Amino acid sequence: MNVLDLPKEVLVQVASFINLNEICKVSRTCHALNDVTSFDSLWRKVYDLDFGRYSRGDNNDRSQSWKDNYRVKRLERNNDIKAFNANPTFIPGLQEISQGETQYRVERYAINFLQDSGITRVSRGVYLSFADKRTLGLLDAYFETLNFHGLSVLESLMKMLLYIQFPSHFSVITRFMLCFAQRYFNCNSDAGIFKNTDAVYVLAFGIIMLNTDMHNSAVKNKMTLNQYIMNSSGINDGENLPDKMLSDIYNNIKENPLVLNRLTPSYESSLWSWVSDWISKLRV
């Protein structure tokens, strides 16, 4: 319920406890903001921010204000999102703008759509899991929109999982993690902690395995901190990562499990074997 929906007599009582000068300041601010929303140039910018410059059809009614065009487009987008969440195998309108358009424009349209807050992480993950040429390029481009600057690998992994649910196929999850590692390394290469993308890649996989070990009831003998540090040795181009970093990861995962959802026990077992082999190769 909006506060302004309260009966006027209640609002008056609430206002009586607030300093009059503060009420006047709030009132002036509200009036100023209301005036700003009447500027059509503002709605043009809001339109571009929400739907991008490459919106479907680009068929705005030039006789209408940008505010009215925004309302029409938002209704259309909401209907598209509903359809997409019900069947995330195609993006409404994508095929339409693909005819005669550049790959860049198609990609920008798809990314803008996938970034909409109405898209569920499940639907986004399913769509990005399709392994055709367009989607592979789109997956790279989508990860470029995620900002991992100044975050730890664990924080970045948790951020990614807020937007994308892991796919169920091994080949696709490795592709997701490669994109994640590359994006993280590009965002934080100046920090000088990781020697290369492989180090981020293996550490991120190791975090997933640690999460499984900690929170899967089928695993009876839980990995200790010393075991986790030992398992992670030599993954940074032959060097060890700081013990404090690994300890922080271990303790955080212990208290706050990752939301993975779709990893089955048999799948996790296969993944663990693959990561173990990869770490062995890095240590050679």
Foldseek 3Di string as FASTA:
>chain_A
DDPVPDDPVVVVVVCVVPDPVVVVVVVVVVVVVVVVVVDLVVLVVVQCLQQNPLHQPPDFDPVDGSVVSSVVVVVVLVVQQVVCQVPLQDRPRLVVCVVPDDLVSSLVRVLSSLPDPSHQQASSQVNLQDPDPSSLVSLLVNLLVDACAPHDLVVLVLVNCRRHAHDQDPVSNLSNLLSSLVNNCVRCVVVVQAPDSQLSSLVNLLLVLLLCLQPPPVNDDGDDLVNSQVLSALRRQGHGGDSVSSVVSNVCSNVDPHDRPNQDPVNSVVSVVVSSVVSVVSND
